[in-house]
C-alpha atoms as a PDB file:
ATOM      1  CA  UNK A   1      -4.180  -4.267  12.570  1.00  0.00           C
ATOM      2  CA  UNK A   2      -2.312  -2.881   9.598  1.00  0.00           C
ATOM      3  CA  UNK A   3       1.282  -2.090   8.648  1.00  0.00           C
ATOM      4  CA  UNK A   4       3.383  -1.168   5.646  1.00  0.00           C
ATOM      5  CA  UNK A   5       7.129  -1.039   5.050  1.00  0.00           C
ATOM      6  CA  UNK A   6       9.073   0.610   2.231  1.00  0.00           C
ATOM      7  CA  UNK A   7      12.496  -0.869   1.500  1.00  0.00           C
ATOM      8  CA  UNK A   8      15.115  -0.550  -1.206  1.00  0.00           C
ATOM      9  CA  UNK A   9      16.447  -3.725  -2.802  1.00  0.00           C
ATOM     10  CA  UNK A  10      19.810  -4.449  -4.433  1.00  0.00           C
ATOM     11  CA  UNK A  11      18.909  -3.261  -7.924  1.00  0.00           C
ATOM     12  CA  UNK A  12      17.622   0.072  -6.595  1.00  0.00           C
ATOM     13  CA  UNK A  13      13.925  -0.756  -6.868  1.00  0.00           C
ATOM     14  CA  UNK A  14      11.597   0.066  -4.000  1.00  0.00           C
ATOM     15  CA  UNK A  15       9.357  -2.553  -2.400  1.00  0.00           C
ATOM     16  CA  UNK A  16       6.215  -1.730  -0.465  1.00  0.00           C
ATOM     17  CA  UNK A  17       5.204  -4.622   1.770  1.00  0.00           C
ATOM     18  CA  UNK A  18       1.842  -4.456   3.498  1.00  0.00           C
ATOM     19  CA  UNK A  19      -0.155  -6.610   5.884  1.00  0.00           C
ATOM     20  CA  UNK A  20      -3.659  -6.100   7.211  1.00  0.00           C
ATOM     21  CA  UNK A  21      -5.511  -8.323   9.687  1.00  0.00           C
ATOM     22  CA  UNK A  22      -9.181  -8.115  10.711  1.00  0.00           C
ATOM     23  CA  UNK A  23     -10.968  -9.670  13.679  1.00  0.00           C
ATOM     24  CA  UNK A  24     -13.395 -11.500  11.393  1.00  0.00           C
ATOM     25  CA  UNK A  25     -13.613 -12.622   7.791  1.00  0.00           C
ATOM     26  CA  UNK A  26     -14.157  -9.649   5.497  1.00  0.00           C
ATOM     27  CA  UNK A  27     -15.919  -9.560   2.140  1.00  0.00           C
ATOM     28  CA  UNK A  28     -12.887  -7.605   0.887  1.00  0.00           C
ATOM     29  CA  UNK A  29      -9.625  -6.786   2.667  1.00  0.00           C
ATOM     30  CA  UNK A  30      -6.279  -5.311   1.674  1.00  0.00           C
ATOM     31  CA  UNK A  31      -5.033  -2.049   0.214  1.00  0.00           C
ATOM     32  CA  UNK A  32      -7.039   0.237  -2.055  1.00  0.00           C
ATOM     33  CA  UNK A  33      -4.286   2.731  -2.873  1.00  0.00           C
ATOM     34  CA  UNK A  34      -0.497   3.109  -2.707  1.00  0.00           C
ATOM     35  CA  UNK A  35       0.907   6.544  -3.486  1.00  0.00           C
ATOM     36  CA  UNK A  36       4.684   6.639  -4.080  1.00  0.00           C
ATOM     37  CA  UNK A  37       6.130  10.076  -3.320  1.00  0.00           C
ATOM     38  CA  UNK A  38       9.572  11.592  -3.926  1.00  0.00           C
ATOM     39  CA  UNK A  39      11.096  14.470  -1.930  1.00  0.00           C
ATOM     40  CA  UNK A  40      12.280  17.122  -4.396  1.00  0.00           C
ATOM     41  CA  UNK A  41      14.215  19.136  -1.812  1.00  0.00           C
ATOM     42  CA  UNK A  42      11.320  21.265  -0.651  1.00  0.00           C
ATOM     43  CA  UNK A  43       8.203  19.081  -0.708  1.00  0.00           C
ATOM     44  CA  UNK A  44       6.852  15.592  -1.309  1.00  0.00           C
ATOM     45  CA  UNK A  45       5.712  15.059  -4.888  1.00  0.00           C
ATOM     46  CA  UNK A  46       3.422  12.230  -5.967  1.00  0.00           C
ATOM     47  CA  UNK A  47       5.259  10.092  -8.493  1.00  0.00           C
ATOM     48  CA  UNK A  48       3.150   6.969  -8.936  1.00  0.00           C
ATOM     49  CA  UNK A  49      -0.200   5.786  -7.620  1.00  0.00           C
ATOM     50  CA  UNK A  50      -1.236   2.145  -7.620  1.00  0.00           C
ATOM     51  CA  UNK A  51      -4.881   1.262  -7.085  1.00  0.00           C
ATOM     52  CA  UNK A  52      -6.710  -2.015  -6.782  1.00  0.00           C
ATOM     53  CA  UNK A  53      -7.938  -1.375 -10.331  1.00  0.00           C
ATOM     54  CA  UNK A  54      -4.298  -1.377 -11.526  1.00  0.00           C
ATOM     55  CA  UNK A  55      -3.307  -4.314  -9.322  1.00  0.00           C
ATOM     56  CA  UNK A  56      -6.306  -6.476  -8.348  1.00  0.00           C
ATOM     57  CA  UNK A  57      -4.049  -8.520  -6.033  1.00  0.00           C
ATOM     58  CA  UNK A  58      -3.995  -5.586  -3.594  1.00  0.00           C
ATOM     59  CA  UNK A  59      -7.398  -6.782  -2.385  1.00  0.00           C
ATOM     60  CA  UNK A  60      -8.503 -10.237  -1.279  1.00  0.00           C
ATOM     61  CA  UNK A  61     -12.050 -11.598  -0.964  1.00  0.00           C
ATOM     62  CA  UNK A  62     -13.534 -13.592   1.915  1.00  0.00           C
ATOM     63  CA  UNK A  63     -10.501 -13.451   4.184  1.00  0.00           C
ATOM     64  CA  UNK A  64      -9.516 -12.071   7.582  1.00  0.00           C
ATOM     65  CA  UNK A  65      -6.036 -11.040   6.441  1.00  0.00           C
ATOM     66  CA  UNK A  66      -4.009 -10.109   3.415  1.00  0.00           C
ATOM     67  CA  UNK A  67      -0.389  -9.265   2.640  1.00  0.00           C
ATOM     68  CA  UNK A  68       1.525  -8.554  -0.534  1.00  0.00           C
ATOM     69  CA  UNK A  69       4.462  -6.641  -1.988  1.00  0.00           C
ATOM     70  CA  UNK A  70       4.436  -4.006  -4.728  1.00  0.00           C
ATOM     71  CA  UNK A  71       7.682  -3.112  -6.518  1.00  0.00           C
ATOM     72  CA  UNK A  72       8.411   0.318  -7.962  1.00  0.00           C
ATOM     73  CA  UNK A  73      11.394   1.490 -10.033  1.00  0.00           C
ATOM     74  CA  UNK A  74      12.260   5.051  -8.958  1.00  0.00           C
ATOM     75  CA  UNK A  75      12.865   7.751 -11.554  1.00  0.00           C
ATOM     76  CA  UNK A  76      14.933  10.003  -9.255  1.00  0.00           C
ATOM     77  CA  UNK A  77      17.623   9.560  -6.648  1.00  0.00           C
ATOM     78  CA  UNK A  78      16.901  10.716  -3.127  1.00  0.00           C
ATOM     79  CA  UNK A  79      14.202  10.148  -0.543  1.00  0.00           C
ATOM     80  CA  UNK A  80      10.991   8.275  -1.183  1.00  0.00           C
ATOM     81  CA  UNK A  81       7.955   7.427   0.884  1.00  0.00           C
ATOM     82  CA  UNK A  82       4.752   5.499   0.346  1.00  0.00           C
ATOM     83  CA  UNK A  83       1.302   6.506   1.557  1.00  0.00           C
ATOM     84  CA  UNK A  84      -0.741   3.333   1.891  1.00  0.00           C
ATOM     85  CA  UNK A  85      -4.531   3.218   2.280  1.00  0.00           C
ATOM     86  CA  UNK A  86      -5.867   0.041   3.878  1.00  0.00           C
ATOM     87  CA  UNK A  87      -9.376  -1.179   3.156  1.00  0.00           C
ATOM     88  CA  UNK A  88     -11.792  -3.635   4.724  1.00  0.00           C
ATOM     89  CA  UNK A  89     -15.436  -4.222   3.866  1.00  0.00           C
ATOM     90  CA  UNK A  90     -18.110  -6.501   5.264  1.00  0.00           C
ATOM     91  CA  UNK A  91     -21.880  -6.440   5.775  1.00  0.00           C
ATOM     92  CA  UNK A  92     -21.542  -3.792   8.505  1.00  0.00           C
ATOM     93  CA  UNK A  93     -19.705  -1.323   6.282  1.00  0.00           C
ATOM     94  CA  UNK A  94     -16.318  -0.140   5.092  1.00  0.00           C
ATOM     95  CA  UNK A  95     -13.244   0.795   7.120  1.00  0.00           C
ATOM     96  CA  UNK A  96     -10.184   2.611   5.748  1.00  0.00           C
ATOM     97  CA  UNK A  97      -6.930   3.533   7.476  1.00  0.00           C
ATOM     98  CA  UNK A  98      -3.835   5.265   6.132  1.00  0.00           C
ATOM     99  CA  UNK A  99      -0.174   5.066   7.020  1.00  0.00           C
ATOM    100  CA  UNK A 100       3.041   6.556   5.616  1.00  0.00           C
ATOM    101  CA  UNK A 101       6.276   4.620   5.416  1.00  0.00           C
END
């Protein structure tokens, strides 16, 4: 299972919380990519992308679950969303899923 939630905190920053749970222990599990998008009045525009290269803590080794929070300081007022790509890898292969919050 997998889920992600985008919330605004008191100082105006945005927090992306994610959780992913596998049936078995994975070699690697977590999130490979978080794309923060801002609505400019006509379309969603990518504003910041976090990867597991930028934030190694997005992924966890030898575990059946992982959760974490990433904080982003917005550069505009208005509506934001996060597109989160979940990742799990074991000896049978790789699985990815995506959700928008």
